[in-house]
All heavy atoms as atom14 arrays in JSON, in Angstrom:
{
  "sequence": "TEPGKVLLRYARQMQALRADAARELGATLGREERLPIAVNADSLA",
  "atom14_mask": [
    [1, 1, 1, 1, 1, 1, 1, 0, 0, 0, 0, 0, 0, 0],
    [1, 1, 1, 1, 1, 1, 1, 1, 1, 0, 0, 0, 0, 0],
    [1, 1, 1, 1, 1, 1, 1, 0, 0, 0, 0, 0, 0, 0],
    [1, 1, 1, 1, 0, 0, 0, 0, 0, 0, 0, 0, 0, 0],
    [1, 1, 1, 1, 1, 1, 1, 1, 1, 0, 0, 0, 0, 0],
    [1, 1, 1, 1, 1, 1, 1, 0, 0, 0, 0, 0, 0, 0],
    [1, 1, 1, 1, 1, 1, 1, 1, 0, 0, 0, 0, 0, 0],
    [1, 1, 1, 1, 1, 1, 1, 1, 0, 0, 0, 0, 0, 0],
    [1, 1, 1, 1, 1, 1, 1, 1, 1, 1, 1, 0, 0, 0],
    [1, 1, 1, 1, 1, 1, 1, 1, 1, 1, 1, 1, 0, 0],
    [1, 1, 1, 1, 1, 0, 0, 0, 0, 0, 0, 0, 0, 0],
    [1, 1, 1, 1, 1, 1, 1, 1, 1, 1, 1, 0, 0, 0],
    [1, 1, 1, 1, 1, 1, 1, 1, 1, 0, 0, 0, 0, 0],
    [1, 1, 1, 1, 1, 1, 1, 1, 0, 0, 0, 0, 0, 0],
    [1, 1, 1, 1, 1, 1, 1, 1, 1, 0, 0, 0, 0, 0],
    [1, 1, 1, 1, 1, 0, 0, 0, 0, 0, 0, 0, 0, 0],
    [1, 1, 1, 1, 1, 1, 1, 1, 0, 0, 0, 0, 0, 0],
    [1, 1, 1, 1, 1, 1, 1, 1, 1, 1, 1, 0, 0, 0],
    [1, 1, 1, 1, 1, 0, 0, 0, 0, 0, 0, 0, 0, 0],
    [1, 1, 1, 1, 1, 1, 1, 1, 0, 0, 0, 0, 0, 0],
    [1, 1, 1, 1, 1, 0, 0, 0, 0, 0, 0, 0, 0, 0],
    [1, 1, 1, 1, 1, 0, 0, 0, 0, 0, 0, 0, 0, 0],
    [1, 1, 1, 1, 1, 1, 1, 1, 1, 1, 1, 0, 0, 0],
    [1, 1, 1, 1, 1, 1, 1, 1, 1, 0, 0, 0, 0, 0],
    [1, 1, 1, 1, 1, 1, 1, 1, 0, 0, 0, 0, 0, 0],
    [1, 1, 1, 1, 0, 0, 0, 0, 0, 0, 0, 0, 0, 0],
    [1, 1, 1, 1, 1, 0, 0, 0, 0, 0, 0, 0, 0, 0],
    [1, 1, 1, 1, 1, 1, 1, 0, 0, 0, 0, 0, 0, 0],
    [1, 1, 1, 1, 1, 1, 1, 1, 0, 0, 0, 0, 0, 0],
    [1, 1, 1, 1, 0, 0, 0, 0, 0, 0, 0, 0, 0, 0],
    [1, 1, 1, 1, 1, 1, 1, 1, 1, 1, 1, 0, 0, 0],
    [1, 1, 1, 1, 1, 1, 1, 1, 1, 0, 0, 0, 0, 0],
    [1, 1, 1, 1, 1, 1, 1, 1, 1, 0, 0, 0, 0, 0],
    [1, 1, 1, 1, 1, 1, 1, 1, 1, 1, 1, 0, 0, 0],
    [1, 1, 1, 1, 1, 1, 1, 1, 0, 0, 0, 0, 0, 0],
    [1, 1, 1, 1, 1, 1, 1, 0, 0, 0, 0, 0, 0, 0],
    [1, 1, 1, 1, 1, 1, 1, 1, 0, 0, 0, 0, 0, 0],
    [1, 1, 1, 1, 1, 0, 0, 0, 0, 0, 0, 0, 0, 0],
    [1, 1, 1, 1, 1, 1, 1, 0, 0, 0, 0, 0, 0, 0],
    [1, 1, 1, 1, 1, 1, 1, 1, 0, 0, 0, 0, 0, 0],
    [1, 1, 1, 1, 1, 0, 0, 0, 0, 0, 0, 0, 0, 0],
    [1, 1, 1, 1, 1, 1, 1, 1, 0, 0, 0, 0, 0, 0],
    [1, 1, 1, 1, 1, 1, 0, 0, 0, 0, 0, 0, 0, 0],
    [1, 1, 1, 1, 1, 1, 1, 1, 0, 0, 0, 0, 0, 0],
    [1, 1, 1, 1, 1, 0, 0, 0, 0, 0, 0, 0, 0, 0]
  ],
  "atom14_positions": [
    [[15.08, -2.69, -11.3], [15.1, -3.42, -12.56], [13.68, -3.88, -12.88], [12.76, -3.73, -12.07], [16.03, -4.63, -12.46], [15.49, -5.53, -11.47], [17.44, -4.22, -12.05], [0.0, 0.0, 0.0], [0.0, 0.0, 0.0], [0.0, 0.0, 0.0], [0.0, 0.0, 0.0], [0.0, 0.0, 0.0], [0.0, 0.0, 0.0], [0.0, 0.0, 0.0]],
    [[13.48, -4.46, -14.06], [12.15, -4.95, -14.4], [11.67, -6.04, -13.42], [10.53, -6.0, -12.98], [12.12, -5.47, -15.85], [12.24, -4.37, -16.89], [11.21, -3.27, -16.71], [10.02, -3.61, -16.52], [11.58, -2.08, -16.75], [0.0, 0.0, 0.0], [0.0, 0.0, 0.0], [0.0, 0.0, 0.0], [0.0, 0.0, 0.0], [0.0, 0.0, 0.0]],
    [[12.53, -7.03, -13.05], [12.1, -7.97, -11.99], [11.8, -7.27, -10.68], [10.9, -7.65, -9.94], [13.27, -8.93, -11.87], [13.95, -8.89, -13.19], [13.82, -7.46, -13.64], [0.0, 0.0, 0.0], [0.0, 0.0, 0.0], [0.0, 0.0, 0.0], [0.0, 0.0, 0.0], [0.0, 0.0, 0.0], [0.0, 0.0, 0.0], [0.0, 0.0, 0.0]],
    [[12.57, -6.2, -10.39], [12.32, -5.45, -9.17], [10.97, -4.78, -9.17], [10.27, -4.73, -8.15], [0.0, 0.0, 0.0], [0.0, 0.0, 0.0], [0.0, 0.0, 0.0], [0.0, 0.0, 0.0], [0.0, 0.0, 0.0], [0.0, 0.0, 0.0], [0.0, 0.0, 0.0], [0.0, 0.0, 0.0], [0.0, 0.0, 0.0], [0.0, 0.0, 0.0]],
    [[10.54, -4.28, -10.34], [9.22, -3.64, -10.45], [8.1, -4.67, -10.24], [7.06, -4.36, -9.65], [9.08, -2.97, -11.8], [9.99, -1.76, -11.97], [9.9, -1.2, -13.38], [10.86, -0.04, -13.58], [10.83, 0.48, -14.96], [0.0, 0.0, 0.0], [0.0, 0.0, 0.0], [0.0, 0.0, 0.0], [0.0, 0.0, 0.0], [0.0, 0.0, 0.0]],
    [[8.32, -5.9, -10.74], [7.32, -6.95, -10.54], [7.16, -7.23, -9.04], [6.04, -7.32, -8.52], [7.73, -8.24, -11.29], [6.81, -9.4, -10.9], [7.69, -8.01, -12.79], [0.0, 0.0, 0.0], [0.0, 0.0, 0.0], [0.0, 0.0, 0.0], [0.0, 0.0, 0.0], [0.0, 0.0, 0.0], [0.0, 0.0, 0.0], [0.0, 0.0, 0.0]],
    [[8.28, -7.37, -8.34], [8.2, -7.65, -6.91], [7.73, -6.44, -6.11], [7.09, -6.61, -5.06], [9.57, -8.11, -6.39], [10.0, -9.53, -6.77], [11.24, -9.92, -5.98], [8.88, -10.54, -6.5], [0.0, 0.0, 0.0], [0.0, 0.0, 0.0], [0.0, 0.0, 0.0], [0.0, 0.0, 0.0], [0.0, 0.0, 0.0], [0.0, 0.0, 0.0]],
    [[8.01, -5.24, -6.59], [7.5, -4.05, -5.9], [5.97, -4.05, -5.91], [5.34, -3.73, -4.9], [8.03, -2.78, -6.58], [7.47, -1.47, -6.01], [7.84, -1.3, -4.54], [7.96, -0.28, -6.83], [0.0, 0.0, 0.0], [0.0, 0.0, 0.0], [0.0, 0.0, 0.0], [0.0, 0.0, 0.0], [0.0, 0.0, 0.0], [0.0, 0.0, 0.0]],
    [[5.39, -4.4, -7.05], [3.93, -4.49, -7.13], [3.41, -5.48, -6.09], [2.43, -5.21, -5.38], [3.52, -4.91, -8.53], [2.02, -4.95, -8.75], [1.7, -5.0, -10.23], [2.15, -6.23, -10.86], [3.02, -6.3, -11.86], [3.57, -5.21, -12.34], [3.35, -7.45, -12.39], [0.0, 0.0, 0.0], [0.0, 0.0, 0.0], [0.0, 0.0, 0.0]],
    [[4.07, -6.61, -5.96], [3.67, -7.63, -4.99], [3.86, -7.1, -3.57], [3.01, -7.31, -2.69], [4.5, -8.89, -5.22], [4.18, -10.03, -4.29], [2.93, -10.64, -4.29], [5.14, -10.53, -3.41], [2.64, -11.69, -3.44], [4.86, -11.58, -2.56], [3.61, -12.16, -2.58], [3.34, -13.19, -1.73], [0.0, 0.0, 0.0], [0.0, 0.0, 0.0]],
    [[4.96, -6.37, -3.34], [5.23, -5.82, -2.01], [4.16, -4.81, -1.61], [3.69, -4.79, -0.46], [6.62, -5.17, -1.98], [0.0, 0.0, 0.0], [0.0, 0.0, 0.0], [0.0, 0.0, 0.0], [0.0, 0.0, 0.0], [0.0, 0.0, 0.0], [0.0, 0.0, 0.0], [0.0, 0.0, 0.0], [0.0, 0.0, 0.0], [0.0, 0.0, 0.0]],
    [[3.76, -3.95, -2.55], [2.72, -2.97, -2.25], [1.4, -3.67, -1.92], [0.67, -3.27, -1.0], [2.5, -2.06, -3.46], [3.7, -1.18, -3.82], [3.9, -0.08, -2.83], [4.87, 0.89, -3.3], [5.77, 1.48, -2.55], [5.84, 1.2, -1.25], [6.6, 2.37, -3.04], [0.0, 0.0, 0.0], [0.0, 0.0, 0.0], [0.0, 0.0, 0.0]],
    [[1.09, -4.71, -2.65], [-0.15, -5.43, -2.39], [-0.11, -6.11, -1.03], [-1.12, -6.11, -0.29], [-0.39, -6.45, -3.51], [-0.65, -5.81, -4.86], [-0.67, -6.81, -5.99], [-0.56, -8.01, -5.77], [-0.81, -6.32, -7.21], [0.0, 0.0, 0.0], [0.0, 0.0, 0.0], [0.0, 0.0, 0.0], [0.0, 0.0, 0.0], [0.0, 0.0, 0.0]],
    [[1.03, -6.65, -0.65], [1.17, -7.29, 0.66], [1.0, -6.26, 1.78], [0.38, -6.54, 2.8], [2.52, -7.98, 0.77], [2.67, -9.22, -0.1], [1.46, -10.51, 0.3], [1.93, -10.9, 1.99], [0.0, 0.0, 0.0], [0.0, 0.0, 0.0], [0.0, 0.0, 0.0], [0.0, 0.0, 0.0], [0.0, 0.0, 0.0], [0.0, 0.0, 0.0]],
    [[1.54, -5.05, 1.57], [1.36, -4.01, 2.57], [-0.11, -3.64, 2.73], [-0.59, -3.43, 3.86], [2.18, -2.77, 2.17], [3.69, -2.96, 2.3], [4.47, -1.77, 1.8], [4.0, -1.0, 0.98], [5.69, -1.63, 2.28], [0.0, 0.0, 0.0], [0.0, 0.0, 0.0], [0.0, 0.0, 0.0], [0.0, 0.0, 0.0], [0.0, 0.0, 0.0]],
    [[-0.83, -3.56, 1.62], [-2.25, -3.23, 1.7], [-3.03, -4.34, 2.4], [-3.92, -4.07, 3.22], [-2.81, -2.99, 0.3], [0.0, 0.0, 0.0], [0.0, 0.0, 0.0], [0.0, 0.0, 0.0], [0.0, 0.0, 0.0], [0.0, 0.0, 0.0], [0.0, 0.0, 0.0], [0.0, 0.0, 0.0], [0.0, 0.0, 0.0], [0.0, 0.0, 0.0]],
    [[-2.71, -5.6, 2.1], [-3.38, -6.71, 2.76], [-3.09, -6.72, 4.26], [-3.95, -7.02, 5.08], [-2.94, -8.03, 2.13], [-3.49, -8.3, 0.72], [-2.79, -9.52, 0.12], [-4.99, -8.5, 0.75], [0.0, 0.0, 0.0], [0.0, 0.0, 0.0], [0.0, 0.0, 0.0], [0.0, 0.0, 0.0], [0.0, 0.0, 0.0], [0.0, 0.0, 0.0]],
    [[-1.85, -6.38, 4.62], [-1.48, -6.33, 6.04], [-2.27, -5.24, 6.76], [-2.73, -5.43, 7.88], [0.02, -6.1, 6.16], [0.57, -6.25, 7.57], [2.08, -6.44, 7.53], [2.74, -5.33, 6.87], [3.84, -5.45, 6.13], [4.38, -6.65, 5.91], [4.4, -4.4, 5.59], [0.0, 0.0, 0.0], [0.0, 0.0, 0.0], [0.0, 0.0, 0.0]],
    [[-2.43, -4.09, 6.09], [-3.22, -3.01, 6.69], [-4.67, -3.44, 6.84], [-5.33, -3.13, 7.85], [-3.11, -1.75, 5.84], [0.0, 0.0, 0.0], [0.0, 0.0, 0.0], [0.0, 0.0, 0.0], [0.0, 0.0, 0.0], [0.0, 0.0, 0.0], [0.0, 0.0, 0.0], [0.0, 0.0, 0.0], [0.0, 0.0, 0.0], [0.0, 0.0, 0.0]],
    [[-5.21, -4.16, 5.85], [-6.58, -4.67, 5.94], [-6.74, -5.6, 7.14], [-7.71, -5.49, 7.91], [-6.95, -5.44, 4.67], [-7.39, -4.52, 3.54], [-7.83, -3.4, 3.83], [-7.29, -4.93, 2.38], [0.0, 0.0, 0.0], [0.0, 0.0, 0.0], [0.0, 0.0, 0.0], [0.0, 0.0, 0.0], [0.0, 0.0, 0.0], [0.0, 0.0, 0.0]],
    [[-5.8, -6.53, 7.29], [-5.89, -7.5, 8.37], [-5.83, -6.81, 9.73], [-6.6, -7.14, 10.65], [-4.76, -8.53, 8.25], [0.0, 0.0, 0.0], [0.0, 0.0, 0.0], [0.0, 0.0, 0.0], [0.0, 0.0, 0.0], [0.0, 0.0, 0.0], [0.0, 0.0, 0.0], [0.0, 0.0, 0.0], [0.0, 0.0, 0.0], [0.0, 0.0, 0.0]],
    [[-4.91, -5.85, 9.86], [-4.79, -5.14, 11.14], [-6.06, -4.37, 11.45], [-6.53, -4.35, 12.59], [-3.59, -4.19, 11.07], [0.0, 0.0, 0.0], [0.0, 0.0, 0.0], [0.0, 0.0, 0.0], [0.0, 0.0, 0.0], [0.0, 0.0, 0.0], [0.0, 0.0, 0.0], [0.0, 0.0, 0.0], [0.0, 0.0, 0.0], [0.0, 0.0, 0.0]],
    [[-6.65, -3.75, 10.43], [-7.89, -2.99, 10.65], [-9.02, -3.9, 11.1], [-9.76, -3.58, 12.04], [-8.26, -2.26, 9.35], [-9.58, -1.5, 9.41], [-9.84, -0.8, 8.08], [-9.9, -1.77, 6.98], [-11.01, -2.34, 6.56], [-12.16, -2.09, 7.16], [-10.99, -3.2, 5.56], [0.0, 0.0, 0.0], [0.0, 0.0, 0.0], [0.0, 0.0, 0.0]],
    [[-9.17, -5.04, 10.44], [-10.27, -5.94, 10.78], [-10.07, -6.59, 12.14], [-11.03, -6.92, 12.83], [-10.41, -7.01, 9.69], [-10.88, -6.44, 8.35], [-11.13, -7.52, 7.32], [-11.45, -8.65, 7.72], [-10.99, -7.24, 6.11], [0.0, 0.0, 0.0], [0.0, 0.0, 0.0], [0.0, 0.0, 0.0], [0.0, 0.0, 0.0], [0.0, 0.0, 0.0]],
    [[-8.81, -6.77, 12.54], [-8.53, -7.36, 13.84], [-8.48, -6.33, 14.96], [-8.35, -6.68, 16.14], [-7.2, -8.13, 13.8], [-7.18, -9.39, 12.92], [-5.76, -9.92, 12.79], [-8.1, -10.46, 13.5], [0.0, 0.0, 0.0], [0.0, 0.0, 0.0], [0.0, 0.0, 0.0], [0.0, 0.0, 0.0], [0.0, 0.0, 0.0], [0.0, 0.0, 0.0]],
    [[-8.54, -5.06, 14.58], [-8.43, -4.01, 15.59], [-7.03, -3.88, 16.13], [-6.83, -3.35, 17.23], [0.0, 0.0, 0.0], [0.0, 0.0, 0.0], [0.0, 0.0, 0.0], [0.0, 0.0, 0.0], [0.0, 0.0, 0.0], [0.0, 0.0, 0.0], [0.0, 0.0, 0.0], [0.0, 0.0, 0.0], [0.0, 0.0, 0.0], [0.0, 0.0, 0.0]],
    [[-6.04, -4.34, 15.37], [-4.65, -4.29, 15.82], [-4.0, -2.99, 15.36], [-4.48, -2.3, 14.46], [-3.87, -5.48, 15.27], [0.0, 0.0, 0.0], [0.0, 0.0, 0.0], [0.0, 0.0, 0.0], [0.0, 0.0, 0.0], [0.0, 0.0, 0.0], [0.0, 0.0, 0.0], [0.0, 0.0, 0.0], [0.0, 0.0, 0.0], [0.0, 0.0, 0.0]],
    [[-2.88, -2.67, 15.98], [-2.1, -1.49, 15.61], [-0.84, -1.94, 14.9], [-0.1, -2.79, 15.4], [-1.73, -0.66, 16.86], [-2.93, -0.28, 17.53], [-0.94, 0.58, 16.45], [0.0, 0.0, 0.0], [0.0, 0.0, 0.0], [0.0, 0.0, 0.0], [0.0, 0.0, 0.0], [0.0, 0.0, 0.0], [0.0, 0.0, 0.0], [0.0, 0.0, 0.0]],
    [[-0.58, -1.37, 13.73], [0.61, -1.71, 12.98], [1.84, -1.06, 13.6], [1.75, -0.01, 14.24], [0.47, -1.24, 11.52], [-0.65, -1.92, 10.73], [-0.92, -1.16, 9.45], [-0.29, -3.36, 10.42], [0.0, 0.0, 0.0], [0.0, 0.0, 0.0], [0.0, 0.0, 0.0], [0.0, 0.0, 0.0], [0.0, 0.0, 0.0], [0.0, 0.0, 0.0]],
    [[2.99, -1.69, 13.43], [4.21, -1.14, 13.97], [4.54, 0.24, 13.42], [5.03, 1.11, 14.12], [0.0, 0.0, 0.0], [0.0, 0.0, 0.0], [0.0, 0.0, 0.0], [0.0, 0.0, 0.0], [0.0, 0.0, 0.0], [0.0, 0.0, 0.0], [0.0, 0.0, 0.0], [0.0, 0.0, 0.0], [0.0, 0.0, 0.0], [0.0, 0.0, 0.0]],
    [[4.29, 0.44, 12.14], [4.44, 1.74, 11.53], [3.32, 1.93, 10.52], [2.72, 0.97, 10.06], [5.82, 1.89, 10.85], [6.01, 1.03, 9.61], [7.42, 1.18, 9.07], [7.59, 0.48, 7.81], [7.54, 1.06, 6.61], [7.31, 2.35, 6.53], [7.72, 0.35, 5.52], [0.0, 0.0, 0.0], [0.0, 0.0, 0.0], [0.0, 0.0, 0.0]],
    [[3.05, 3.18, 10.2], [1.93, 3.46, 9.3], [2.18, 2.84, 7.93], [3.23, 3.01, 7.33], [1.74, 4.97, 9.16], [0.56, 5.35, 8.28], [0.35, 6.84, 8.19], [0.97, 7.46, 7.31], [-0.41, 7.38, 9.01], [0.0, 0.0, 0.0], [0.0, 0.0, 0.0], [0.0, 0.0, 0.0], [0.0, 0.0, 0.0], [0.0, 0.0, 0.0]],
    [[1.2, 2.08, 7.44], [1.3, 1.52, 6.1], [0.83, 2.56, 5.08], [-0.19, 3.21, 5.26], [0.43, 0.27, 5.99], [0.95, -0.93, 6.77], [2.18, -1.56, 6.15], [2.69, -1.03, 5.14], [2.65, -2.57, 6.68], [0.0, 0.0, 0.0], [0.0, 0.0, 0.0], [0.0, 0.0, 0.0], [0.0, 0.0, 0.0], [0.0, 0.0, 0.0]],
    [[1.6, 2.71, 4.03], [1.24, 3.61, 2.95], [0.35, 2.89, 1.95], [0.61, 1.75, 1.59], [2.49, 4.08, 2.19], [3.26, 5.16, 2.85], [4.34, 5.69, 1.92], [4.99, 4.67, 1.11], [5.03, 4.67, -0.2], [4.42, 5.62, -0.88], [5.66, 3.73, -0.86], [0.0, 0.0, 0.0], [0.0, 0.0, 0.0], [0.0, 0.0, 0.0]],
    [[-0.69, 3.57, 1.49], [-1.51, 3.1, 0.39], [-1.38, 4.12, -0.72], [-2.17, 5.07, -0.82], [-2.97, 2.94, 0.83], [-3.23, 1.95, 1.98], [-4.69, 1.97, 2.39], [-2.81, 0.54, 1.58], [0.0, 0.0, 0.0], [0.0, 0.0, 0.0], [0.0, 0.0, 0.0], [0.0, 0.0, 0.0], [0.0, 0.0, 0.0], [0.0, 0.0, 0.0]],
    [[-0.37, 3.97, -1.59], [-0.12, 5.0, -2.61], [-1.06, 4.89, -3.79], [-1.31, 3.8, -4.31], [1.33, 4.71, -3.03], [1.51, 3.24, -2.79], [0.65, 2.9, -1.61], [0.0, 0.0, 0.0], [0.0, 0.0, 0.0], [0.0, 0.0, 0.0], [0.0, 0.0, 0.0], [0.0, 0.0, 0.0], [0.0, 0.0, 0.0], [0.0, 0.0, 0.0]],
    [[-1.61, 6.01, -4.22], [-2.41, 6.07, -5.43], [-1.95, 7.27, -6.25], [-1.47, 8.27, -5.69], [-3.92, 6.17, -5.13], [-4.26, 7.47, -4.39], [-4.4, 4.97, -4.32], [-5.75, 7.71, -4.22], [0.0, 0.0, 0.0], [0.0, 0.0, 0.0], [0.0, 0.0, 0.0], [0.0, 0.0, 0.0], [0.0, 0.0, 0.0], [0.0, 0.0, 0.0]],
    [[-2.06, 7.17, -7.56], [-1.65, 8.26, -8.45], [-2.89, 8.97, -8.98], [-3.85, 8.32, -9.4], [-0.83, 7.7, -9.61], [0.0, 0.0, 0.0], [0.0, 0.0, 0.0], [0.0, 0.0, 0.0], [0.0, 0.0, 0.0], [0.0, 0.0, 0.0], [0.0, 0.0, 0.0], [0.0, 0.0, 0.0], [0.0, 0.0, 0.0], [0.0, 0.0, 0.0]],
    [[-2.87, 10.29, -8.93], [-4.0, 11.09, -9.41], [-3.47, 12.22, -10.27], [-2.32, 12.64, -10.14], [-4.85, 11.66, -8.24], [-5.41, 10.54, -7.37], [-4.02, 12.61, -7.39], [0.0, 0.0, 0.0], [0.0, 0.0, 0.0], [0.0, 0.0, 0.0], [0.0, 0.0, 0.0], [0.0, 0.0, 0.0], [0.0, 0.0, 0.0], [0.0, 0.0, 0.0]],
    [[-4.31, 12.73, -11.14], [-3.92, 13.88, -11.95], [-4.14, 15.16, -11.16], [-4.98, 15.24, -10.28], [-4.69, 13.91, -13.27], [-6.19, 13.96, -13.06], [-6.74, 13.15, -12.32], [-6.85, 14.92, -13.69], [0.0, 0.0, 0.0], [0.0, 0.0, 0.0], [0.0, 0.0, 0.0], [0.0, 0.0, 0.0], [0.0, 0.0, 0.0], [0.0, 0.0, 0.0]],
    [[-3.35, 16.18, -11.49], [-3.35, 17.42, -10.71], [-4.7, 18.11, -10.72], [-5.13, 18.68, -9.71], [-2.26, 18.36, -11.23], [0.0, 0.0, 0.0], [0.0, 0.0, 0.0], [0.0, 0.0, 0.0], [0.0, 0.0, 0.0], [0.0, 0.0, 0.0], [0.0, 0.0, 0.0], [0.0, 0.0, 0.0], [0.0, 0.0, 0.0], [0.0, 0.0, 0.0]],
    [[-5.41, 18.08, -11.85], [-6.69, 18.79, -11.92], [-7.74, 18.12, -11.04], [-8.56, 18.81, -10.43], [-7.17, 18.84, -13.37], [-6.34, 19.78, -14.23], [-5.71, 20.69, -13.66], [-6.31, 19.6, -15.46], [0.0, 0.0, 0.0], [0.0, 0.0, 0.0], [0.0, 0.0, 0.0], [0.0, 0.0, 0.0], [0.0, 0.0, 0.0], [0.0, 0.0, 0.0]],
    [[-7.73, 16.78, -10.97], [-8.65, 16.1, -10.06], [-8.28, 16.41, -8.61], [-9.15, 16.62, -7.76], [-8.62, 14.59, -10.3], [-9.19, 14.27, -11.55], [0.0, 0.0, 0.0], [0.0, 0.0, 0.0], [0.0, 0.0, 0.0], [0.0, 0.0, 0.0], [0.0, 0.0, 0.0], [0.0, 0.0, 0.0], [0.0, 0.0, 0.0], [0.0, 0.0, 0.0]],
    [[-6.97, 16.44, -8.32], [-6.53, 16.74, -6.96], [-6.97, 18.14, -6.55], [-7.34, 18.37, -5.4], [-5.0, 16.61, -6.88], [-4.37, 16.84, -5.51], [-4.84, 15.8, -4.5], [-2.85, 16.8, -5.62], [0.0, 0.0, 0.0], [0.0, 0.0, 0.0], [0.0, 0.0, 0.0], [0.0, 0.0, 0.0], [0.0, 0.0, 0.0], [0.0, 0.0, 0.0]],
    [[-6.95, 19.07, -7.5], [-7.3, 20.46, -7.19], [-8.79, 20.69, -7.05], [-9.21, 21.75, -6.57], [-6.75, 21.38, -8.29], [0.0, 0.0, 0.0], [0.0, 0.0, 0.0], [0.0, 0.0, 0.0], [0.0, 0.0, 0.0], [0.0, 0.0, 0.0], [0.0, 0.0, 0.0], [0.0, 0.0, 0.0], [0.0, 0.0, 0.0], [0.0, 0.0, 0.0]]
  ]
}
């Protein structure tokens, strides 16, 4: 839903911050954190 999309944005940001913290602390995350980005096909190619 629209409220769900708002919280999804927040959830993605929290995942990125968690990955940042683990990297700076030299810690290992329980599972791989995704950092999703959208690109156009011609740039990808």
